N, C-alpha and C. Protein backbone atom coordinates (compact mmCIF):
# COMPACT_ATOMS: atom_id res chain seq x y z
N MET A 1 -6.12 -12.97 -0.46
CA MET A 1 -6.30 -11.91 -1.27
C MET A 1 -7.22 -12.41 -2.44
N SER A 2 -8.02 -11.19 -3.09
CA SER A 2 -8.87 -11.55 -4.18
C SER A 2 -7.74 -11.19 -5.67
N LEU A 3 -8.03 -12.21 -6.19
CA LEU A 3 -7.46 -12.36 -7.42
C LEU A 3 -8.30 -12.12 -8.65
N VAL A 4 -7.90 -11.29 -9.72
CA VAL A 4 -8.58 -11.10 -10.78
C VAL A 4 -7.98 -11.70 -11.68
N HIS A 5 -8.34 -12.76 -13.01
CA HIS A 5 -7.75 -13.14 -14.06
C HIS A 5 -7.96 -12.56 -15.06
N VAL A 6 -7.38 -12.00 -15.70
CA VAL A 6 -7.69 -11.49 -17.29
C VAL A 6 -7.46 -12.28 -18.19
N PRO A 7 -8.34 -12.60 -19.10
CA PRO A 7 -8.21 -13.57 -19.82
C PRO A 7 -6.94 -12.96 -20.93
N GLY A 8 -5.95 -14.09 -21.07
CA GLY A 8 -4.77 -13.81 -21.75
C GLY A 8 -3.81 -12.76 -21.41
N GLY A 9 -4.25 -12.56 -19.93
CA GLY A 9 -3.25 -11.52 -19.11
C GLY A 9 -2.95 -12.15 -17.92
N PRO A 10 -2.13 -11.35 -17.08
CA PRO A 10 -1.82 -11.60 -15.82
C PRO A 10 -2.74 -11.60 -14.91
N LEU A 11 -2.56 -12.19 -13.77
CA LEU A 11 -3.55 -12.19 -12.49
C LEU A 11 -3.35 -10.85 -11.81
N LEU A 12 -4.17 -10.27 -11.58
CA LEU A 12 -4.49 -8.84 -10.61
C LEU A 12 -4.56 -9.03 -9.55
N LEU A 13 -4.00 -8.04 -8.64
CA LEU A 13 -4.59 -7.97 -7.37
C LEU A 13 -4.97 -6.67 -7.01
N PRO A 14 -5.97 -6.34 -6.17
CA PRO A 14 -6.75 -5.07 -5.70
C PRO A 14 -5.45 -4.64 -4.82
N ALA A 15 -5.42 -3.28 -5.49
CA ALA A 15 -4.15 -2.28 -4.75
C ALA A 15 -4.44 -2.10 -3.55
N ASP A 16 -5.57 -1.74 -2.69
CA ASP A 16 -6.02 -1.75 -1.47
C ASP A 16 -5.48 -2.71 -0.44
N GLU A 17 -5.51 -4.04 -1.17
CA GLU A 17 -5.26 -5.27 -0.33
C GLU A 17 -3.65 -5.28 -0.41
N VAL A 18 -3.17 -5.26 -1.37
CA VAL A 18 -1.66 -5.22 -1.63
C VAL A 18 -1.02 -4.48 -0.54
N THR A 19 -1.38 -3.01 -0.57
CA THR A 19 -0.92 -1.98 0.52
C THR A 19 -1.27 -2.03 2.05
N HIS A 20 -2.43 -2.91 2.22
CA HIS A 20 -2.79 -3.47 3.45
C HIS A 20 -1.85 -4.64 3.79
N LEU A 21 -1.53 -5.32 3.09
CA LEU A 21 -0.64 -6.56 3.25
C LEU A 21 0.81 -5.85 3.39
N LEU A 22 1.33 -5.24 2.72
CA LEU A 22 2.57 -4.57 2.78
C LEU A 22 2.62 -4.03 4.40
N ARG A 23 1.72 -3.07 4.58
CA ARG A 23 1.72 -2.32 6.00
C ARG A 23 1.40 -3.26 7.17
N ARG A 24 0.74 -4.19 6.95
CA ARG A 24 0.89 -5.33 8.32
C ARG A 24 2.01 -5.96 8.23
N LEU A 25 3.11 -6.50 7.25
CA LEU A 25 4.17 -6.98 7.36
C LEU A 25 4.82 -5.91 8.00
N ALA A 26 4.85 -4.80 7.73
CA ALA A 26 5.92 -3.80 8.30
C ALA A 26 5.71 -3.77 9.58
N THR A 27 4.26 -3.39 10.13
CA THR A 27 4.02 -3.61 11.81
C THR A 27 4.40 -4.77 12.20
N ARG A 28 4.41 -6.17 11.59
CA ARG A 28 4.53 -7.33 12.19
C ARG A 28 6.43 -7.21 12.54
N TRP A 29 6.98 -6.68 11.63
CA TRP A 29 8.40 -6.75 11.52
C TRP A 29 8.86 -5.95 12.62
N LEU A 30 8.33 -4.84 13.03
CA LEU A 30 8.40 -3.80 14.01
C LEU A 30 8.27 -4.74 15.33
N ASP A 31 7.00 -5.47 15.43
CA ASP A 31 6.41 -6.11 16.79
C ASP A 31 7.79 -7.07 17.16
N SER A 32 8.01 -7.87 16.09
CA SER A 32 9.08 -8.94 16.33
C SER A 32 10.33 -8.13 16.62
N ALA A 33 10.91 -7.12 15.92
CA ALA A 33 12.11 -6.64 16.54
C ALA A 33 12.00 -5.98 18.06
N SER A 34 10.86 -5.69 18.44
CA SER A 34 10.75 -5.15 19.77
C SER A 34 10.50 -6.27 20.81
N GLU A 35 9.87 -7.15 20.66
CA GLU A 35 9.32 -8.18 21.60
C GLU A 35 10.41 -9.21 21.62
N GLU A 36 11.23 -9.65 20.72
CA GLU A 36 12.07 -10.75 20.77
C GLU A 36 13.23 -10.09 21.03
N GLU A 37 13.99 -10.26 22.02
CA GLU A 37 15.43 -9.67 22.34
C GLU A 37 16.18 -10.77 21.62
N GLU A 38 16.09 -12.14 21.35
CA GLU A 38 17.05 -12.86 20.89
C GLU A 38 16.32 -13.04 19.40
N SER A 39 15.48 -12.04 18.85
CA SER A 39 15.06 -12.43 17.36
C SER A 39 16.26 -12.61 16.42
N GLY A 40 17.15 -11.84 16.78
CA GLY A 40 18.28 -11.59 15.76
C GLY A 40 18.23 -10.55 14.58
N LEU A 41 17.11 -9.91 15.01
CA LEU A 41 17.00 -8.44 13.94
C LEU A 41 17.43 -7.35 14.83
N GLU A 42 18.42 -6.62 13.88
CA GLU A 42 18.65 -5.38 14.31
C GLU A 42 17.68 -4.32 13.94
N ARG A 43 17.34 -3.73 15.06
CA ARG A 43 16.20 -2.49 15.07
C ARG A 43 16.37 -1.35 13.86
N LYS A 44 17.52 -0.80 13.81
CA LYS A 44 17.97 -0.26 12.58
C LYS A 44 17.78 -0.64 11.33
N THR A 45 18.03 -2.05 11.03
CA THR A 45 17.83 -2.64 9.83
C THR A 45 16.17 -2.76 9.69
N VAL A 46 15.41 -3.32 10.43
CA VAL A 46 13.94 -3.40 10.58
C VAL A 46 13.32 -2.24 10.23
N GLU A 47 13.78 -0.89 10.86
CA GLU A 47 12.93 0.39 10.56
C GLU A 47 13.45 1.02 8.91
N ALA A 48 14.48 0.34 8.68
CA ALA A 48 14.86 0.77 7.34
C ALA A 48 13.95 0.02 6.32
N LEU A 49 13.67 -1.42 6.57
CA LEU A 49 12.99 -2.27 5.80
C LEU A 49 11.38 -1.76 5.80
N VAL A 50 10.96 -1.34 7.17
CA VAL A 50 9.86 -0.70 7.34
C VAL A 50 9.47 0.65 6.60
N ASP A 51 10.70 1.45 6.60
CA ASP A 51 10.18 2.70 5.99
C ASP A 51 10.18 2.45 4.41
N SER A 52 10.86 1.39 3.99
CA SER A 52 10.86 0.89 2.41
C SER A 52 9.40 0.55 2.29
N LEU A 53 9.09 -0.33 2.99
CA LEU A 53 7.56 -0.97 2.59
C LEU A 53 6.43 0.12 2.96
N THR A 54 6.74 0.74 3.70
CA THR A 54 5.58 1.71 3.85
C THR A 54 5.65 2.73 2.79
N GLU A 55 7.06 3.43 2.36
CA GLU A 55 7.19 4.04 1.11
C GLU A 55 6.41 3.45 0.15
N VAL A 56 6.54 2.29 -0.48
CA VAL A 56 6.07 1.44 -1.63
C VAL A 56 4.50 1.45 -1.64
N ALA A 57 3.95 1.08 0.05
CA ALA A 57 2.50 1.18 -0.01
C ALA A 57 2.12 2.60 -0.49
N ASP A 58 2.64 3.51 0.33
CA ASP A 58 2.18 4.95 0.11
C ASP A 58 2.28 5.23 -1.57
N ARG A 59 3.21 5.24 -2.29
CA ARG A 59 3.32 5.27 -3.83
C ARG A 59 1.99 4.58 -4.16
N ILE A 60 2.00 3.20 -3.93
CA ILE A 60 0.74 2.73 -4.58
C ILE A 60 -0.55 3.32 -4.63
N ASP A 61 -0.96 3.85 -3.50
CA ASP A 61 -2.16 4.39 -2.92
C ASP A 61 -2.07 5.58 -3.74
N ALA A 62 -1.06 6.41 -3.50
CA ALA A 62 -1.01 7.97 -4.29
C ALA A 62 -1.25 7.84 -5.87
N GLU A 63 -0.85 6.87 -6.64
CA GLU A 63 -0.72 6.41 -7.92
C GLU A 63 -2.27 6.06 -8.19
N CYS A 64 -2.94 5.16 -7.41
CA CYS A 64 -4.31 4.84 -7.57
C CYS A 64 -5.11 6.17 -7.27
N ILE A 65 -5.05 6.77 -6.37
CA ILE A 65 -5.75 8.13 -5.76
C ILE A 65 -5.66 8.84 -7.39
N ALA A 66 -4.64 9.16 -7.74
CA ALA A 66 -4.13 10.07 -9.24
C ALA A 66 -4.94 9.59 -10.29
N LEU A 67 -5.55 7.93 -10.29
CA LEU A 67 -6.15 7.75 -11.58
C LEU A 67 -7.69 7.60 -11.10
N VAL A 68 -8.20 8.19 -10.02
CA VAL A 68 -9.70 8.43 -9.84
C VAL A 68 -10.17 9.66 -10.75
N PRO A 69 -10.95 9.46 -11.45
CA PRO A 69 -11.68 10.73 -12.46
C PRO A 69 -12.30 11.73 -11.42
N PHE A 70 -11.94 12.83 -11.56
CA PHE A 70 -12.76 13.84 -10.86
C PHE A 70 -13.51 14.72 -11.71
N HIS A 71 -14.55 15.43 -11.34
CA HIS A 71 -15.37 16.64 -12.07
C HIS A 71 -15.53 17.64 -11.26
N GLY A 72 -16.23 18.55 -12.18
CA GLY A 72 -16.63 19.88 -11.57
C GLY A 72 -15.66 20.81 -10.70
N GLY A 73 -15.82 21.92 -9.98
CA GLY A 73 -15.35 22.53 -9.18
C GLY A 73 -14.13 23.38 -9.99
N GLU A 74 -13.18 23.93 -9.34
CA GLU A 74 -12.30 24.95 -9.64
C GLU A 74 -11.47 23.93 -10.68
N GLY A 75 -11.25 24.29 -11.67
CA GLY A 75 -10.14 23.66 -12.64
C GLY A 75 -10.71 22.13 -13.01
N GLY A 76 -11.88 21.91 -12.68
CA GLY A 76 -12.41 20.46 -13.02
C GLY A 76 -12.26 19.39 -12.32
N ARG A 77 -11.62 19.62 -10.78
CA ARG A 77 -11.27 19.04 -9.85
C ARG A 77 -12.09 19.21 -8.86
N SER A 78 -13.25 18.74 -8.40
CA SER A 78 -13.76 18.77 -7.22
C SER A 78 -13.47 18.31 -6.05
N GLY A 79 -12.83 17.09 -6.05
CA GLY A 79 -12.54 16.31 -5.00
C GLY A 79 -13.96 15.20 -4.96
N VAL A 80 -14.64 15.06 -5.49
CA VAL A 80 -16.02 14.09 -5.96
C VAL A 80 -15.88 13.73 -6.80
N PRO A 81 -15.30 11.99 -6.75
CA PRO A 81 -15.60 11.01 -7.86
C PRO A 81 -16.57 10.96 -8.87
N GLU A 82 -16.28 10.87 -10.04
CA GLU A 82 -17.37 10.74 -10.87
C GLU A 82 -18.44 9.73 -10.70
N GLY A 83 -19.67 10.14 -10.85
CA GLY A 83 -20.52 9.13 -10.78
C GLY A 83 -21.31 9.13 -9.33
N ARG A 84 -20.94 10.41 -8.68
CA ARG A 84 -21.40 10.16 -7.07
C ARG A 84 -21.74 11.44 -6.68
């Protein structure tokens, strides 16, 4: 993961890397629950955890998309990011 240090502030992580990590973790959990009968993982519990991780990743993506400034078009939002 790429870390960004803000002088006098916290370490920052790129949102796309965080959401990618969350989705990969969710996929790995599902794979483990499906492939290994003796894993001790309950399928319903794993599915609930996967749903939670995916929901967090989706929320992060949606909030980041909402921060992208748009211009032009009807109502000032053309779907084209500024500077393009």
